[in-house]
Amino acid sequence: MMKDSSAKVIGLDVGTSRLVAARKEGSDFKYESQLNAFVNLPFSKVTENVLRSEKIPFTVGGKDITVFGNEAARFAELLNVEVRRPMTRGVLNPQEPESLAQIRRIVTALLGEDGDGRKVCYSIPAPPPGCEENLTYHEASLRQMLADIGCETQSINEGMAVIYSELQDTNFTGVGVSCGGGLCNVALAYMSVPVLSFCTPKGGDFVDSSAASVTGELANRIRMVKETGFHFNGHYPDKVQQVLSVYYDEMILSIIQGLRDAFEGTRTVPRIPRPIPLVLSGGSCTPPGFKERFGKLLEGSTLPVQFSEIRVAADPLTSTARGALVAGMAE
């Protein structure tokens, strides 16, 4: 499925929470990622010099220094503020005037200022319910931004990217689920042919903001707790973890309900003669026990397809970027 001339192809996961770039070097896949966020600091020459010496990406404008990418969360924590997000619910944030400019800065930190004719296959979500026009603008803006830095472009549905990354052993037949920050994207393919795709608006950000509203903590702090210490075991040492478990269940149930609605709402689902795998990916599926919890909540659902297994991607944080790279090399 892949071509040998892969050195100038990049897979780019454009996620609400993180941007991940995938490259093929020989027989190995290489990844780089940056947090899709930024925060403003008061300008001082000392701060500017320190950031430069530490090689932390930033820009200077007026009375502010803008730190973007991975270090944004650390500075937001120090200042007790929320990070600013260029994207929300899988697409460019209409409430953030600097959204596209900040995305470009983060992308160029990953790819370089000069695209040099490289091909970039970038992920896009399924149309968010009621916001289809936002997706059209989002995809066109990313395409133009990448073209402006000298890249050839191709887009791929995020759920399909997961299938390309993880389901080669079933000839790309199965369900790919990307549990991201802004959305959860789901796709079904049969022998690599897309059959259906959809997204649900309850992703990692929903879990963070909902838990923050109940506990009184900042959403950024909730996210850090979720990523470093949360696990599904039924015994939660504090209120934050107990609340996280409640909203994680709601996120999972919305995916299962979305699957049921998608199967009921289409007449084009093929009769698949055997059970198929369902693979989970994305940062929101990384807490220990997520797969087991997903399987338990799925048990009571009636769907016109049987699952042979539920598996977690080999590396949930890079699966979409890897699948985008596979798709880009196949063209």
Protein backbone atom coordinates (compact mmCIF):
# COMPACT_ATOMS: atom_id res chain seq x y z
CA MET A 1 0.00 0.00 0.00
CA MET A 2 2.92 2.36 0.64
CA LYS A 3 5.29 3.83 -1.89
CA ASP A 4 9.01 3.88 -1.33
CA SER A 5 9.29 7.64 -1.95
CA SER A 6 8.13 8.60 1.52
CA ALA A 7 10.82 10.98 2.73
CA LYS A 8 8.92 14.09 1.65
CA VAL A 9 5.53 13.00 3.01
CA ILE A 10 4.31 14.08 6.44
CA GLY A 11 1.21 12.95 8.30
CA LEU A 12 -0.25 15.73 10.43
CA ASP A 13 -2.81 15.21 13.16
CA VAL A 14 -4.49 18.59 13.62
CA GLY A 15 -6.17 17.99 16.95
CA THR A 16 -7.94 20.37 19.30
CA SER A 17 -5.55 19.42 22.08
CA ARG A 18 -2.31 18.57 20.24
CA LEU A 19 -0.69 18.71 16.81
CA VAL A 20 1.36 15.64 15.91
CA ALA A 21 3.61 15.23 12.86
CA ALA A 22 4.61 11.77 11.58
CA ARG A 23 7.48 11.01 9.19
CA LYS A 24 8.93 7.81 7.77
CA GLU A 25 12.70 7.45 8.12
CA GLY A 26 13.83 4.18 6.60
CA SER A 27 11.62 1.53 8.17
CA ASP A 28 10.86 3.62 11.26
CA PHE A 29 8.11 6.10 12.04
CA LYS A 30 9.21 9.31 13.78
CA TYR A 31 6.89 11.67 15.65
CA GLU A 32 6.92 15.21 17.00
CA SER A 33 4.10 16.92 18.86
CA GLN A 34 3.14 20.27 20.29
CA LEU A 35 0.29 21.32 22.55
CA ASN A 36 -2.29 23.24 20.50
CA ALA A 37 -2.43 26.15 22.92
CA PHE A 38 -0.81 29.45 23.85
CA VAL A 39 -0.61 31.89 26.72
CA ASN A 40 0.38 35.55 26.97
CA LEU A 41 3.07 36.75 29.41
CA PRO A 42 3.91 40.36 30.32
CA PHE A 43 6.81 41.52 28.19
CA SER A 44 10.25 41.97 29.67
CA LYS A 45 13.60 41.75 27.99
CA VAL A 46 14.80 39.35 30.67
CA THR A 47 11.90 36.97 30.01
CA GLU A 48 12.49 37.18 26.26
CA ASN A 49 16.17 36.31 26.67
CA VAL A 50 15.43 33.40 29.02
CA LEU A 51 12.84 31.92 26.68
CA ARG A 52 15.24 32.21 23.77
CA SER A 53 18.06 30.56 25.70
CA GLU A 54 15.75 27.70 26.73
CA LYS A 55 14.58 27.32 23.09
CA ILE A 56 10.94 27.77 24.10
CA PRO A 57 8.85 28.88 21.09
CA PHE A 58 7.40 32.37 21.51
CA THR A 59 6.54 35.57 19.71
CA VAL A 60 6.64 39.18 20.88
CA GLY A 61 3.86 41.63 20.15
CA GLY A 62 3.33 44.96 21.89
CA LYS A 63 3.29 44.49 25.65
CA ASP A 64 2.98 40.71 25.50
CA ILE A 65 5.12 37.66 24.93
CA THR A 66 3.10 34.77 23.54
CA VAL A 67 4.36 31.31 24.48
CA PHE A 68 2.85 28.55 22.35
CA GLY A 69 3.06 24.80 22.18
CA ASN A 70 4.14 22.45 24.95
CA GLU A 71 5.31 25.07 27.43
CA ALA A 72 2.02 27.02 27.32
CA ALA A 73 0.38 24.73 29.90
CA ARG A 74 3.25 25.14 32.37
CA PHE A 75 3.13 28.93 32.23
CA ALA A 76 -0.67 28.93 32.49
CA GLU A 77 -0.37 26.81 35.64
CA LEU A 78 2.17 29.23 37.12
CA LEU A 79 -0.06 32.22 36.36
CA ASN A 80 -3.24 30.41 37.48
CA VAL A 81 -4.98 31.10 34.15
CA GLU A 82 -6.44 28.97 31.38
CA VAL A 83 -4.46 28.42 28.21
CA ARG A 84 -5.93 29.95 25.06
CA ARG A 85 -6.98 27.45 22.40
CA PRO A 86 -6.76 28.01 18.64
CA MET A 87 -9.31 25.23 18.12
CA THR A 88 -12.52 24.16 19.77
CA ARG A 89 -14.65 21.09 19.05
CA GLY A 90 -12.33 19.93 16.31
CA VAL A 91 -12.25 23.12 14.21
CA LEU A 92 -10.79 26.62 14.33
CA ASN A 93 -12.09 28.55 17.32
CA PRO A 94 -14.40 31.33 16.04
CA GLN A 95 -14.06 33.16 19.37
CA GLU A 96 -10.26 33.32 19.15
CA PRO A 97 -9.09 36.05 16.72
CA GLU A 98 -5.54 34.67 16.66
CA SER A 99 -6.58 31.07 15.99
CA LEU A 100 -5.16 30.62 12.49
CA ALA A 101 -2.01 32.64 13.21
CA GLN A 102 -1.26 30.54 16.27
CA ILE A 103 -1.93 27.26 14.44
CA ARG A 104 0.52 28.39 11.75
CA ARG A 105 3.20 29.10 14.37
CA ILE A 106 2.74 25.68 15.94
CA VAL A 107 2.70 23.92 12.57
CA THR A 108 5.88 25.67 11.42
CA ALA A 109 7.53 24.70 14.74
CA LEU A 110 6.84 21.09 13.71
CA LEU A 111 7.42 21.28 9.96
CA GLY A 112 9.76 24.24 9.50
CA GLU A 113 9.16 27.58 7.80
CA ASP A 114 9.82 26.26 4.28
CA GLY A 115 7.64 23.39 3.11
CA ASP A 116 10.01 22.73 0.19
CA GLY A 117 7.32 20.93 -1.79
CA ARG A 118 6.69 18.31 0.88
CA LYS A 119 3.31 16.63 0.88
CA VAL A 120 1.30 16.99 4.07
CA CYS A 121 -1.70 14.75 4.66
CA TYR A 122 -3.64 16.37 7.49
CA SER A 123 -6.56 15.12 9.56
CA ILE A 124 -10.01 16.67 9.60
CA PRO A 125 -12.96 15.64 11.75
CA ALA A 126 -16.30 14.40 10.54
CA PRO A 127 -18.74 17.32 10.25
CA PRO A 128 -19.63 18.44 13.78
CA PRO A 129 -23.43 18.30 14.24
CA GLY A 130 -24.98 21.61 13.23
CA CYS A 131 -21.59 23.13 12.35
CA GLU A 132 -20.91 21.73 8.88
CA GLU A 133 -20.02 25.16 7.50
CA ASN A 134 -17.35 25.54 10.21
CA LEU A 135 -15.66 22.38 8.96
CA THR A 136 -15.62 23.70 5.38
CA TYR A 137 -13.88 26.87 6.55
CA HIS A 138 -11.53 24.92 8.82
CA GLU A 139 -10.37 22.53 6.08
CA ALA A 140 -9.94 25.30 3.50
CA SER A 141 -7.98 27.47 5.96
CA LEU A 142 -5.58 24.65 6.83
CA ARG A 143 -5.09 23.81 3.16
CA GLN A 144 -4.26 27.43 2.33
CA MET A 145 -1.97 27.81 5.34
CA LEU A 146 0.02 24.72 4.37
CA ALA A 147 0.17 25.85 0.75
CA ASP A 148 1.48 29.23 1.89
CA ILE A 149 4.52 27.58 3.47
CA GLY A 150 5.16 25.56 0.33
CA CYS A 151 3.46 22.21 1.04
CA GLU A 152 1.31 20.03 -1.17
CA THR A 153 -1.81 19.01 0.72
CA GLN A 154 -4.23 16.15 1.18
CA SER A 155 -6.86 15.75 3.90
CA ILE A 156 -8.15 12.60 5.56
CA ASN A 157 -11.03 11.89 7.91
CA GLU A 158 -9.69 11.38 11.42
CA GLY A 159 -11.50 8.11 12.09
CA MET A 160 -10.26 6.70 8.78
CA ALA A 161 -6.71 7.70 9.71
CA VAL A 162 -7.01 5.49 12.80
CA ILE A 163 -8.13 2.58 10.60
CA TYR A 164 -5.18 3.09 8.22
CA SER A 165 -2.83 3.18 11.19
CA GLU A 166 -4.10 0.25 13.22
CA LEU A 167 -6.10 -2.22 11.11
CA GLN A 168 -3.74 -3.42 8.40
CA ASP A 169 -4.07 -6.94 9.81
CA THR A 170 -7.80 -6.99 8.91
CA ASN A 171 -7.32 -5.39 5.48
CA PHE A 172 -8.49 -2.09 6.95
CA THR A 173 -11.87 -3.48 7.96
CA GLY A 174 -13.27 -2.32 11.28
CA VAL A 175 -14.20 0.69 13.36
CA GLY A 176 -11.70 3.40 14.25
CA VAL A 177 -12.46 5.67 17.20
CA SER A 178 -10.35 8.76 17.90
CA CYS A 179 -11.08 10.10 21.38
CA GLY A 180 -9.66 13.59 21.02
CA GLY A 181 -9.85 16.80 22.97
CA GLY A 182 -12.60 18.59 21.08
CA LEU A 183 -14.47 15.68 19.52
CA CYS A 184 -14.64 11.91 19.37
CA ASN A 185 -14.41 10.82 15.73
CA VAL A 186 -15.68 7.44 14.57
CA ALA A 187 -15.38 5.72 11.17
CA LEU A 188 -16.31 2.31 9.79
CA ALA A 189 -14.46 0.90 6.78
CA TYR A 190 -14.79 -2.36 4.85
CA MET A 191 -11.61 -3.42 3.06
CA SER A 192 -10.37 0.19 3.31
CA VAL A 193 -13.57 1.61 1.74
CA PRO A 194 -15.17 4.24 4.00
CA VAL A 195 -18.72 3.20 4.93
CA LEU A 196 -19.74 5.79 7.50
CA SER A 197 -18.23 8.41 9.78
CA PHE A 198 -19.48 10.76 12.45
CA CYS A 199 -18.29 12.68 15.48
CA THR A 200 -19.67 13.40 18.92
CA PRO A 201 -19.07 16.72 20.69
CA LYS A 202 -18.16 15.13 24.01
CA GLY A 203 -14.39 14.68 23.97
CA GLY A 204 -11.61 15.36 26.44
CA ASP A 205 -12.43 19.07 26.69
CA PHE A 206 -16.00 18.18 27.66
CA VAL A 207 -14.66 15.96 30.45
CA ASP A 208 -12.27 18.70 31.63
CA SER A 209 -14.73 21.61 31.55
CA SER A 210 -17.54 19.59 33.14
CA ALA A 211 -15.31 18.35 35.94
CA ALA A 212 -13.95 21.87 36.44
CA SER A 213 -17.45 23.33 36.80
CA VAL A 214 -18.30 20.79 39.52
CA THR A 215 -15.03 20.96 41.47
CA GLY A 216 -14.20 24.66 41.07
CA GLU A 217 -10.77 23.86 39.59
CA LEU A 218 -9.35 25.31 36.39
CA ALA A 219 -9.97 23.11 33.35
CA ASN A 220 -6.23 23.20 32.62
CA ARG A 221 -5.51 21.76 36.07
CA ILE A 222 -8.18 19.07 35.61
CA ARG A 223 -6.54 18.10 32.32
CA MET A 224 -3.17 17.70 34.02
CA VAL A 225 -4.69 15.49 36.74
CA LYS A 226 -6.48 13.43 34.08
CA GLU A 227 -3.31 12.92 32.06
CA THR A 228 -1.00 12.09 34.96
CA GLY A 229 -2.96 10.23 37.61
CA PHE A 230 -6.46 9.16 36.61
CA HIS A 231 -7.38 5.50 36.09
CA PHE A 232 -10.56 3.41 36.03
CA ASN A 233 -10.60 1.13 39.05
CA GLY A 234 -13.80 2.00 40.90
CA HIS A 235 -11.93 3.40 43.92
CA TYR A 236 -11.18 7.10 43.63
CA PRO A 237 -9.04 8.84 46.25
CA ASP A 238 -10.54 12.31 45.81
CA LYS A 239 -13.49 14.21 44.37
CA VAL A 240 -11.69 15.23 41.18
CA GLN A 241 -11.05 11.64 40.14
CA GLN A 242 -14.58 10.56 41.07
CA VAL A 243 -16.05 13.39 39.00
CA LEU A 244 -13.75 12.54 36.08
CA SER A 245 -15.11 8.98 36.06
CA VAL A 246 -18.68 10.30 35.78
CA TYR A 247 -17.95 12.47 32.75
CA TYR A 248 -15.76 9.84 31.11
CA ASP A 249 -18.75 7.49 31.25
CA GLU A 250 -20.87 10.16 29.59
CA MET A 251 -18.26 10.57 26.84
CA ILE A 252 -18.15 6.81 26.19
CA LEU A 253 -21.95 6.51 26.19
CA SER A 254 -22.21 9.32 23.63
CA ILE A 255 -19.87 7.36 21.30
CA ILE A 256 -21.97 4.21 21.70
CA GLN A 257 -25.18 6.15 21.08
CA GLY A 258 -23.56 7.74 18.04
CA LEU A 259 -22.74 4.29 16.66
CA ARG A 260 -26.34 3.18 17.16
CA ASP A 261 -27.72 6.32 15.48
CA ALA A 262 -25.27 6.05 12.57
CA PHE A 263 -26.19 2.43 11.82
CA GLU A 264 -29.90 3.18 12.08
CA GLY A 265 -29.61 6.29 9.91
CA THR A 266 -27.91 4.78 6.87
CA ARG A 267 -28.96 2.17 4.34
CA THR A 268 -25.47 1.68 2.95
CA VAL A 269 -23.96 -0.39 5.76
CA PRO A 270 -22.72 -3.62 4.15
CA ARG A 271 -23.55 -7.02 5.57
CA ILE A 272 -20.20 -7.88 7.11
CA PRO A 273 -19.97 -11.67 7.35
CA ARG A 274 -17.72 -11.81 10.39
CA PRO A 275 -17.09 -9.86 13.59
CA ILE A 276 -14.80 -6.86 13.14
CA PRO A 277 -12.39 -5.08 15.49
CA LEU A 278 -12.96 -1.72 17.11
CA VAL A 279 -9.79 0.24 17.84
CA LEU A 280 -9.54 3.14 20.30
CA SER A 281 -7.04 5.96 19.94
CA GLY A 282 -6.47 9.56 21.00
CA GLY A 283 -5.29 11.13 24.22
CA SER A 284 -8.63 10.70 25.97
CA CYS A 285 -8.43 6.89 25.80
CA THR A 286 -5.07 6.65 27.58
CA PRO A 287 -6.13 6.32 31.24
CA PRO A 288 -5.54 2.75 32.48
CA GLY A 289 -8.75 0.74 32.33
CA PHE A 290 -10.39 2.81 29.57
CA LYS A 291 -10.66 -0.14 27.16
CA GLU A 292 -12.31 -2.32 29.81
CA ARG A 293 -14.73 0.44 30.77
CA PHE A 294 -15.62 1.04 27.11
CA GLY A 295 -16.25 -2.68 26.62
CA LYS A 296 -18.46 -2.92 29.68
CA LEU A 297 -20.63 0.01 28.59
CA LEU A 298 -20.80 -1.41 25.05
CA GLU A 299 -22.07 -4.78 26.27
CA GLY A 300 -25.65 -3.62 26.68
CA SER A 301 -25.91 -2.06 23.21
CA THR A 302 -27.65 -3.66 20.26
CA LEU A 303 -25.81 -2.96 17.02
CA PRO A 304 -26.10 -4.61 13.57
CA VAL A 305 -22.43 -5.54 13.67
CA GLN A 306 -20.46 -7.76 16.03
CA PHE A 307 -17.05 -6.82 17.35
CA SER A 308 -14.31 -9.41 17.43
CA GLU A 309 -12.31 -7.36 19.90
CA ILE A 310 -11.82 -3.93 21.38
CA ARG A 311 -8.21 -2.86 21.25
CA VAL A 312 -6.26 0.27 22.06
CA ALA A 313 -3.91 1.68 19.42
CA ALA A 314 -0.24 0.81 19.83
CA ASP A 315 0.40 4.49 20.56
CA PRO A 316 -2.91 6.36 20.97
CA LEU A 317 -1.24 9.78 20.84
CA THR A 318 0.35 9.26 17.42
CA SER A 319 -2.16 6.93 15.73
CA THR A 320 -3.97 9.61 13.69
CA ALA A 321 -0.72 11.17 12.45
CA ARG A 322 0.60 7.74 11.49
CA GLY A 323 -2.59 6.92 9.59
CA ALA A 324 -2.45 10.25 7.79
CA LEU A 325 1.12 9.45 6.76
CA VAL A 326 0.08 6.00 5.48
CA ALA A 327 -2.69 7.63 3.44
CA GLY A 328 -0.34 10.29 2.08
CA MET A 329 2.26 7.73 0.99
CA ALA A 330 -0.40 5.64 -0.75
CA GLU A 331 -1.39 8.43 -3.16
